[in-house]
């Protein structure tokens, strides 16, 4: 029989920090962190318009490892707006950021809610 080390207790700590797009943050909690972010993307009806939020997580700053995105790109001449939730993990001591990628006059992205859970 293999003796396992004592498991650490579950410590789900939920916070609602004030965070901004295009800003680098670091997880210094000593535990992995689950981030749940609600973003809105509004794409204008001009050629090459886009409204995207990219997620980056890395062990160096600025983080460059792309882990996902949410957004809209020009597929028709109709302006569109969506709100989406993006969920991603951040290991301890890693850096993370949500970066805006917007083109076309009138396109925009933003954060409507940001929740972090220490696991």
Foldseek 3Di string as FASTA:
>chain_A
DDDDDDDDDDDKDKDWDDDWAPDKDAAAPQFKKKKKWKKKKKWAQDPFWWKKKWKFKALDPPGDHTDDMDIDTDDHSDIDMDIDIDIDMYGHNMMMHIHIDGDDPPIYMTTDTMMMIGD
